């Protein structure tokens, strides 16, 4: 798949840099989410990340841990994907 929007590098909990390919960005209920997959991976299991502000006011990406919120994002992604409306 070469239709990714961009690549981003995130730091995991152990301090390792991990590169992801952004599938799409979603705006849902005044929040912004990134749907990403590990770069170069044959496994295309998507991960949902939410844009939040840290204590310094910088935008950072965090995993969506709340089950209801994750289900809402997954449903929106699936709907847009089925309708062919993704970037």
N, C-alpha and C. Protein backbone atom coordinates (compact mmCIF):
# COMPACT_ATOMS: atom_id res chain seq x y z
N UNK A 1 0.84 -1.19 0.00
CA UNK A 1 0.00 0.00 0.00
C UNK A 1 0.88 1.24 0.00
N UNK A 2 0.76 2.05 -1.01
CA UNK A 2 1.57 3.25 -1.09
C UNK A 2 0.74 4.51 -0.94
N UNK A 3 -0.49 4.40 -0.47
CA UNK A 3 -1.37 5.55 -0.40
C UNK A 3 -1.47 6.14 1.01
N UNK A 4 -0.45 5.96 1.82
CA UNK A 4 -0.45 6.53 3.16
C UNK A 4 -0.22 8.03 3.08
N UNK A 5 -0.78 8.76 4.04
CA UNK A 5 -0.64 10.21 4.06
C UNK A 5 0.79 10.63 4.38
N UNK A 6 1.38 9.98 5.36
CA UNK A 6 2.71 10.36 5.81
C UNK A 6 3.24 9.30 6.75
N UNK A 7 4.49 9.46 7.14
CA UNK A 7 5.09 8.59 8.16
C UNK A 7 5.38 9.44 9.38
N UNK A 8 5.17 8.83 10.54
CA UNK A 8 5.49 9.50 11.79
C UNK A 8 6.32 8.56 12.65
N UNK A 9 7.15 9.13 13.50
CA UNK A 9 7.96 8.34 14.42
C UNK A 9 7.49 8.63 15.83
N UNK A 10 7.17 7.57 16.56
CA UNK A 10 6.72 7.69 17.94
C UNK A 10 7.69 6.96 18.84
N UNK A 11 7.74 7.36 20.09
CA UNK A 11 8.59 6.70 21.07
C UNK A 11 7.73 5.82 21.95
N UNK A 12 8.08 4.53 22.04
CA UNK A 12 7.29 3.61 22.86
C UNK A 12 7.66 3.75 24.33
N UNK A 13 7.02 2.93 25.17
CA UNK A 13 7.21 3.02 26.62
C UNK A 13 8.63 2.69 27.05
N UNK A 14 9.38 1.94 26.23
CA UNK A 14 10.77 1.61 26.55
C UNK A 14 11.76 2.61 25.98
N UNK A 15 11.27 3.66 25.33
CA UNK A 15 12.14 4.67 24.76
C UNK A 15 12.62 4.39 23.35
N UNK A 16 12.07 3.35 22.72
CA UNK A 16 12.45 3.00 21.35
C UNK A 16 11.62 3.80 20.35
N UNK A 17 12.27 4.28 19.29
CA UNK A 17 11.56 4.96 18.21
C UNK A 17 10.92 3.91 17.30
N UNK A 18 9.63 4.12 17.01
CA UNK A 18 8.88 3.21 16.15
C UNK A 18 8.22 4.05 15.06
N UNK A 19 8.42 3.66 13.80
CA UNK A 19 7.86 4.41 12.68
C UNK A 19 6.51 3.82 12.28
N UNK A 20 5.55 4.72 12.03
CA UNK A 20 4.21 4.33 11.61
C UNK A 20 3.84 5.06 10.33
N UNK A 21 2.97 4.43 9.55
CA UNK A 21 2.41 5.06 8.36
C UNK A 21 0.98 5.49 8.71
N UNK A 22 0.67 6.74 8.43
CA UNK A 22 -0.66 7.27 8.74
C UNK A 22 -1.61 6.88 7.62
N UNK A 23 -2.68 6.17 7.97
CA UNK A 23 -3.70 5.80 6.99
C UNK A 23 -4.63 6.99 6.75
N UNK A 24 -5.09 7.59 7.85
CA UNK A 24 -5.99 8.74 7.73
C UNK A 24 -6.04 9.48 9.06
N UNK A 25 -6.60 10.67 9.00
CA UNK A 25 -6.87 11.47 10.19
C UNK A 25 -8.38 11.65 10.26
N UNK A 26 -8.94 11.54 11.45
CA UNK A 26 -10.38 11.68 11.64
C UNK A 26 -10.66 12.76 12.67
N UNK A 27 -11.67 13.58 12.42
CA UNK A 27 -12.16 14.54 13.40
C UNK A 27 -13.51 14.03 13.88
N UNK A 28 -13.57 13.68 15.17
CA UNK A 28 -14.79 13.12 15.75
C UNK A 28 -15.06 13.82 17.07
N UNK A 29 -16.26 14.39 17.19
CA UNK A 29 -16.69 15.05 18.43
C UNK A 29 -15.61 15.98 18.99
N UNK A 30 -15.11 16.87 18.16
CA UNK A 30 -14.13 17.89 18.54
C UNK A 30 -12.77 17.32 18.94
N UNK A 31 -12.50 16.07 18.60
CA UNK A 31 -11.20 15.45 18.84
C UNK A 31 -10.62 15.01 17.50
N UNK A 32 -9.28 15.00 17.44
CA UNK A 32 -8.59 14.55 16.23
C UNK A 32 -7.91 13.22 16.52
N UNK A 33 -8.06 12.28 15.59
CA UNK A 33 -7.48 10.95 15.73
C UNK A 33 -6.66 10.62 14.49
N UNK A 34 -5.59 9.86 14.69
CA UNK A 34 -4.79 9.32 13.60
C UNK A 34 -5.01 7.81 13.59
N UNK A 35 -5.22 7.25 12.41
CA UNK A 35 -5.26 5.80 12.25
C UNK A 35 -3.95 5.43 11.58
N UNK A 36 -3.14 4.59 12.25
CA UNK A 36 -1.80 4.28 11.78
C UNK A 36 -1.56 2.77 11.77
N UNK A 37 -0.55 2.37 10.98
CA UNK A 37 -0.06 0.99 10.97
C UNK A 37 1.46 1.05 11.08
N UNK A 38 2.07 0.01 11.65
CA UNK A 38 3.54 0.00 11.72
C UNK A 38 4.14 0.07 10.32
N UNK A 39 5.14 0.91 10.13
CA UNK A 39 5.78 1.08 8.82
C UNK A 39 6.46 -0.20 8.38
N UNK A 40 6.25 -0.55 7.12
CA UNK A 40 6.92 -1.70 6.54
C UNK A 40 6.40 -3.05 7.01
N UNK A 41 5.35 -3.05 7.79
CA UNK A 41 4.82 -4.30 8.32
C UNK A 41 3.82 -4.90 7.35
N UNK A 42 3.86 -6.21 7.21
CA UNK A 42 2.86 -6.91 6.40
C UNK A 42 1.54 -6.96 7.16
N UNK A 43 1.60 -6.87 8.47
CA UNK A 43 0.42 -6.89 9.33
C UNK A 43 -0.19 -5.50 9.31
N UNK A 44 -1.38 -5.36 8.77
CA UNK A 44 -2.01 -4.05 8.64
C UNK A 44 -3.05 -3.79 9.72
N UNK A 45 -2.84 -4.35 10.93
CA UNK A 45 -3.74 -4.05 12.04
C UNK A 45 -3.56 -2.58 12.42
N UNK A 46 -4.60 -1.81 12.23
CA UNK A 46 -4.53 -0.38 12.47
C UNK A 46 -4.60 -0.07 13.95
N UNK A 47 -3.96 1.04 14.32
CA UNK A 47 -3.95 1.54 15.69
C UNK A 47 -4.56 2.94 15.67
N UNK A 48 -5.42 3.22 16.65
CA UNK A 48 -6.03 4.55 16.77
C UNK A 48 -5.26 5.36 17.80
N UNK A 49 -4.85 6.57 17.43
CA UNK A 49 -4.15 7.48 18.33
C UNK A 49 -4.92 8.79 18.39
N UNK A 50 -4.98 9.37 19.57
CA UNK A 50 -5.72 10.61 19.80
C UNK A 50 -4.73 11.76 19.99
N UNK A 51 -5.04 12.91 19.41
CA UNK A 51 -4.23 14.11 19.59
C UNK A 51 -4.70 14.81 20.87
N UNK A 52 -3.77 15.00 21.82
CA UNK A 52 -4.07 15.71 23.06
C UNK A 52 -2.95 16.72 23.32
N UNK A 53 -3.20 17.65 24.22
CA UNK A 53 -2.16 18.61 24.62
C UNK A 53 -1.51 18.13 25.90
N UNK A 54 -0.16 18.20 25.93
CA UNK A 54 0.55 17.87 27.16
C UNK A 54 0.59 19.09 28.07
N UNK A 55 1.26 18.96 29.20
CA UNK A 55 1.32 20.04 30.19
C UNK A 55 1.92 21.33 29.63
N UNK A 56 2.80 21.19 28.64
CA UNK A 56 3.47 22.35 28.04
C UNK A 56 2.67 22.96 26.88
N UNK A 57 1.51 22.37 26.58
CA UNK A 57 0.69 22.88 25.49
C UNK A 57 1.05 22.33 24.12
N UNK A 58 1.94 21.33 24.09
CA UNK A 58 2.32 20.70 22.82
C UNK A 58 1.33 19.60 22.46
N UNK A 59 1.05 19.46 21.17
CA UNK A 59 0.19 18.36 20.74
C UNK A 59 0.99 17.07 20.73
N UNK A 60 0.43 16.03 21.35
CA UNK A 60 1.05 14.71 21.38
C UNK A 60 0.01 13.67 21.02
N UNK A 61 0.48 12.51 20.57
CA UNK A 61 -0.41 11.40 20.24
C UNK A 61 -0.39 10.38 21.37
N UNK A 62 -1.58 9.94 21.78
CA UNK A 62 -1.70 8.93 22.82
C UNK A 62 -2.62 7.82 22.32
N UNK A 63 -2.41 6.63 22.83
CA UNK A 63 -3.28 5.52 22.43
C UNK A 63 -4.68 5.74 23.02
N UNK A 64 -5.67 5.23 22.31
CA UNK A 64 -7.05 5.33 22.76
C UNK A 64 -7.32 4.11 23.63
N UNK A 65 -7.32 4.31 24.96
CA UNK A 65 -7.47 3.20 25.89
C UNK A 65 -8.91 2.97 26.34
N UNK A 66 -9.74 4.01 26.26
CA UNK A 66 -11.14 3.88 26.65
C UNK A 66 -11.88 3.04 25.60
N UNK A 67 -12.51 1.96 26.03
CA UNK A 67 -13.15 1.04 25.10
C UNK A 67 -14.27 1.69 24.29
N UNK A 68 -15.10 2.51 24.94
CA UNK A 68 -16.19 3.18 24.23
C UNK A 68 -15.65 4.15 23.18
N UNK A 69 -14.62 4.91 23.56
CA UNK A 69 -14.02 5.86 22.63
C UNK A 69 -13.37 5.11 21.46
N UNK A 70 -12.65 4.03 21.76
CA UNK A 70 -12.02 3.24 20.71
C UNK A 70 -13.07 2.69 19.74
N UNK A 71 -14.17 2.16 20.28
CA UNK A 71 -15.23 1.61 19.43
C UNK A 71 -15.84 2.69 18.54
N UNK A 72 -15.99 3.91 19.07
CA UNK A 72 -16.52 5.02 18.29
C UNK A 72 -15.59 5.36 17.12
N UNK A 73 -14.29 5.42 17.39
CA UNK A 73 -13.31 5.73 16.35
C UNK A 73 -13.26 4.59 15.32
N UNK A 74 -13.26 3.35 15.79
CA UNK A 74 -13.21 2.20 14.88
C UNK A 74 -14.44 2.18 13.98
N UNK A 75 -15.60 2.46 14.55
CA UNK A 75 -16.83 2.48 13.75
C UNK A 75 -16.79 3.58 12.69
N UNK A 76 -16.32 4.76 13.07
CA UNK A 76 -16.21 5.86 12.11
C UNK A 76 -15.24 5.50 10.99
N UNK A 77 -14.11 4.91 11.34
CA UNK A 77 -13.11 4.50 10.35
C UNK A 77 -13.69 3.46 9.39
N UNK A 78 -14.36 2.45 9.95
CA UNK A 78 -14.94 1.40 9.11
C UNK A 78 -16.00 1.96 8.18
N UNK A 79 -16.84 2.85 8.68
CA UNK A 79 -17.89 3.45 7.85
C UNK A 79 -17.28 4.23 6.69
N UNK A 80 -16.30 5.07 6.99
CA UNK A 80 -15.65 5.85 5.93
C UNK A 80 -14.93 4.95 4.94
N UNK A 81 -14.31 3.90 5.43
CA UNK A 81 -13.60 2.97 4.56
C UNK A 81 -14.57 2.26 3.63
N UNK A 82 -15.69 1.78 4.17
CA UNK A 82 -16.69 1.09 3.36
C UNK A 82 -17.29 2.00 2.30
N UNK A 83 -17.43 3.28 2.62
CA UNK A 83 -18.02 4.23 1.69
C UNK A 83 -16.99 4.84 0.73
N UNK A 84 -15.73 4.42 0.87
CA UNK A 84 -14.68 4.92 -0.01
C UNK A 84 -14.34 6.38 0.22
N UNK A 85 -14.53 6.87 1.44
CA UNK A 85 -14.32 8.29 1.73
C UNK A 85 -13.00 8.58 2.43
N UNK A 86 -12.14 7.60 2.56
CA UNK A 86 -10.85 7.84 3.21
C UNK A 86 -9.89 8.47 2.23
N UNK A 87 -8.92 9.24 2.79
CA UNK A 87 -7.89 9.90 1.97
C UNK A 87 -7.15 8.89 1.13
